[in-house]
Amino acid sequence: MLFLWTTTKLGKIWIDGDAIKLIISKRLPQEFYVQEVSFIGEKNLLNAYIAAPEDVDFDTKATLEERFGGIFNKSGIAVQLNWVNIAPQDNKKTTPVWMLPLFWAAAAAGITALFHMGIKGILWSIFSAVVGYGVAWILITDDGQRQIAALKEHFRR
């Protein structure tokens, strides 16, 4: 998303919100992440909404506010960090897999598949899932496209 910063006689100056989000997220500790950024051009104010674990101390937050203020103040942009607490069950980095509803959904589906399809049916399902994933990976991702290009080049020789 682009934010209008100011208008000069030479034209408008825009700020890329995704780039700002990337700048901030690369400088955050691992357990933090940027949820959203917004910019108020009339006030030269950048608002960043940062999700942090509930047990983060005030000193860490103050240090981060100072760090980002120093980065953006050089451009004449004031920074306001808004802190959002991550509920323990929503923090993917600290939540064990068995505490996630998706795990239990997959477990229930697996048990149901075992009773209805048997081992042979499950193995065929897993095989088709792996093949489908592989074909999609090759056709969709940049790495897959590079592999295809390398294979074509190999056969041309």
Protein backbone atom coordinates (compact mmCIF):
# COMPACT_ATOMS: atom_id res chain seq x y z
CA MET A 1 0.00 0.00 0.00
CA LEU A 2 1.28 3.44 -0.85
CA PHE A 3 0.86 6.38 1.51
CA LEU A 4 0.90 9.99 0.33
CA TRP A 5 3.53 11.85 2.31
CA THR A 6 3.59 15.30 0.80
CA THR A 7 3.03 17.25 -2.39
CA THR A 8 5.68 19.55 -3.78
CA LYS A 9 5.76 21.73 -6.87
CA LEU A 10 7.61 18.86 -8.59
CA GLY A 11 4.97 16.28 -7.69
CA LYS A 12 3.79 13.96 -4.96
CA ILE A 13 6.00 11.93 -2.65
CA TRP A 14 4.67 8.50 -1.77
CA ILE A 15 5.84 6.02 0.88
CA ASP A 16 5.60 2.28 0.29
CA GLY A 17 3.89 0.69 3.31
CA ASP A 18 5.21 -2.78 2.53
CA ALA A 19 8.78 -1.48 2.43
CA ILE A 20 8.29 0.27 5.78
CA LYS A 21 6.85 -2.94 7.21
CA LEU A 22 9.88 -4.85 5.94
CA ILE A 23 12.32 -2.30 7.38
CA ILE A 24 10.68 -2.60 10.79
CA SER A 25 10.26 -6.38 10.78
CA LYS A 26 13.92 -7.00 9.93
CA ARG A 27 14.94 -5.06 13.04
CA LEU A 28 12.56 -6.74 15.48
CA PRO A 29 13.44 -9.59 17.82
CA GLN A 30 12.33 -13.02 16.63
CA GLU A 31 9.20 -13.30 18.78
CA PHE A 32 7.83 -9.94 17.56
CA TYR A 33 6.13 -9.21 14.25
CA VAL A 34 4.57 -6.24 12.50
CA GLN A 35 0.82 -6.55 12.10
CA GLU A 36 0.13 -3.32 10.26
CA VAL A 37 1.60 0.07 9.39
CA SER A 38 -0.19 3.30 8.61
CA PHE A 39 1.06 6.76 7.75
CA ILE A 40 -0.50 10.18 8.34
CA GLY A 41 1.14 12.45 5.80
CA GLU A 42 -0.15 15.74 7.26
CA LYS A 43 1.55 14.96 10.58
CA ASN A 44 4.56 13.07 9.17
CA LEU A 45 3.57 10.26 11.55
CA LEU A 46 4.21 6.59 10.99
CA ASN A 47 2.08 4.24 13.08
CA ALA A 48 3.31 0.66 13.42
CA TYR A 49 1.27 -2.02 15.16
CA ILE A 50 3.66 -4.60 16.59
CA ALA A 51 2.56 -7.89 18.11
CA ALA A 52 4.64 -8.93 21.08
CA PRO A 53 4.39 -11.69 23.69
CA GLU A 54 2.57 -10.71 26.86
CA ASP A 55 5.65 -11.07 29.06
CA VAL A 56 7.81 -8.48 27.24
CA ASP A 57 9.20 -5.89 29.62
CA PHE A 58 8.92 -2.13 29.27
CA ASP A 59 12.67 -1.66 28.66
CA THR A 60 12.56 -3.80 25.52
CA LYS A 61 9.64 -1.81 24.17
CA ALA A 62 11.35 1.49 25.00
CA THR A 63 14.56 0.35 23.28
CA LEU A 64 12.64 -0.58 20.13
CA GLU A 65 10.76 2.73 20.12
CA GLU A 66 14.07 4.56 20.41
CA ARG A 67 15.64 2.46 17.64
CA PHE A 68 12.85 3.08 15.14
CA GLY A 69 12.61 6.73 16.10
CA GLY A 70 16.29 7.08 15.25
CA ILE A 71 15.86 5.38 11.89
CA PHE A 72 12.88 7.38 10.65
CA ASN A 73 13.56 10.74 12.36
CA LYS A 74 16.43 11.31 9.93
CA SER A 75 13.80 11.54 7.18
CA GLY A 76 11.57 13.84 9.19
CA ILE A 77 9.09 11.09 10.05
CA ALA A 78 7.88 10.61 13.61
CA VAL A 79 7.24 7.03 14.72
CA GLN A 80 4.56 5.78 17.06
CA LEU A 81 4.69 2.10 17.98
CA ASN A 82 1.42 0.55 19.10
CA TRP A 83 1.87 -2.67 21.05
CA VAL A 84 -0.49 -5.60 20.62
CA ASN A 85 -0.15 -8.58 22.95
CA ILE A 86 -0.01 -12.05 21.45
CA ALA A 87 -2.17 -14.53 23.32
CA PRO A 88 -0.05 -17.57 24.29
CA GLN A 89 -2.10 -19.95 22.11
CA ASP A 90 -1.63 -17.65 19.08
CA ASN A 91 2.15 -17.45 19.38
CA LYS A 92 3.24 -20.09 16.87
CA LYS A 93 6.83 -19.95 18.07
CA THR A 94 6.05 -21.03 21.63
CA THR A 95 2.87 -23.09 21.23
CA PRO A 96 3.38 -26.86 21.05
CA VAL A 97 1.84 -28.44 17.98
CA TRP A 98 -0.68 -30.47 20.01
CA MET A 99 -2.17 -27.22 21.34
CA LEU A 100 -3.20 -26.09 17.85
CA PRO A 101 -6.72 -26.89 16.61
CA LEU A 102 -5.34 -27.71 13.16
CA PHE A 103 -3.31 -30.57 14.68
CA TRP A 104 -6.43 -32.12 16.22
CA ALA A 105 -8.35 -31.66 12.98
CA ALA A 106 -5.61 -33.50 11.09
CA ALA A 107 -5.49 -36.23 13.74
CA ALA A 108 -9.24 -36.76 13.57
CA ALA A 109 -9.11 -36.83 9.76
CA GLY A 110 -6.27 -39.36 9.88
CA ILE A 111 -8.12 -41.69 12.24
CA THR A 112 -11.28 -41.42 10.15
CA ALA A 113 -9.30 -42.12 6.97
CA LEU A 114 -7.72 -45.18 8.59
CA PHE A 115 -11.10 -46.69 9.40
CA HIS A 116 -12.71 -45.84 6.05
CA MET A 117 -9.85 -46.32 3.59
CA GLY A 118 -7.45 -48.67 5.35
CA ILE A 119 -3.66 -48.50 5.17
CA LYS A 120 -3.55 -48.99 1.39
CA GLY A 121 -5.99 -46.12 0.77
CA ILE A 122 -4.07 -43.81 3.11
CA LEU A 123 -0.77 -44.60 1.39
CA TRP A 124 -2.31 -43.83 -2.03
CA SER A 125 -3.70 -40.57 -0.63
CA ILE A 126 -0.31 -39.58 0.77
CA PHE A 127 1.37 -40.49 -2.52
CA SER A 128 -1.07 -38.37 -4.53
CA ALA A 129 -0.65 -35.48 -2.08
CA VAL A 130 3.14 -35.61 -2.45
CA VAL A 131 2.90 -35.77 -6.25
CA GLY A 132 0.38 -32.92 -6.33
CA TYR A 133 2.57 -30.80 -4.08
CA GLY A 134 5.65 -31.54 -6.19
CA VAL A 135 3.94 -30.66 -9.46
CA ALA A 136 2.49 -27.46 -7.96
CA TRP A 137 5.90 -26.53 -6.52
CA ILE A 138 7.58 -27.01 -9.91
CA LEU A 139 4.94 -25.06 -11.83
CA ILE A 140 4.28 -22.23 -9.37
CA THR A 141 7.47 -21.36 -7.50
CA ASP A 142 10.50 -19.53 -8.87
CA ASP A 143 12.78 -22.34 -7.69
CA GLY A 144 10.67 -24.85 -9.60
CA GLN A 145 10.84 -22.71 -12.74
CA ARG A 146 14.63 -22.59 -12.39
CA GLN A 147 14.72 -26.37 -12.10
CA ILE A 148 12.67 -26.70 -15.31
CA ALA A 149 14.96 -24.23 -17.10
CA ALA A 150 18.05 -26.15 -15.94
CA LEU A 151 16.51 -29.44 -17.07
CA LYS A 152 15.65 -27.99 -20.51
CA GLU A 153 19.20 -26.66 -20.83
CA HIS A 154 20.59 -30.08 -19.88
CA PHE A 155 18.56 -31.82 -22.59
CA ARG A 156 19.52 -29.24 -25.24
CA ARG A 157 23.18 -30.20 -24.89
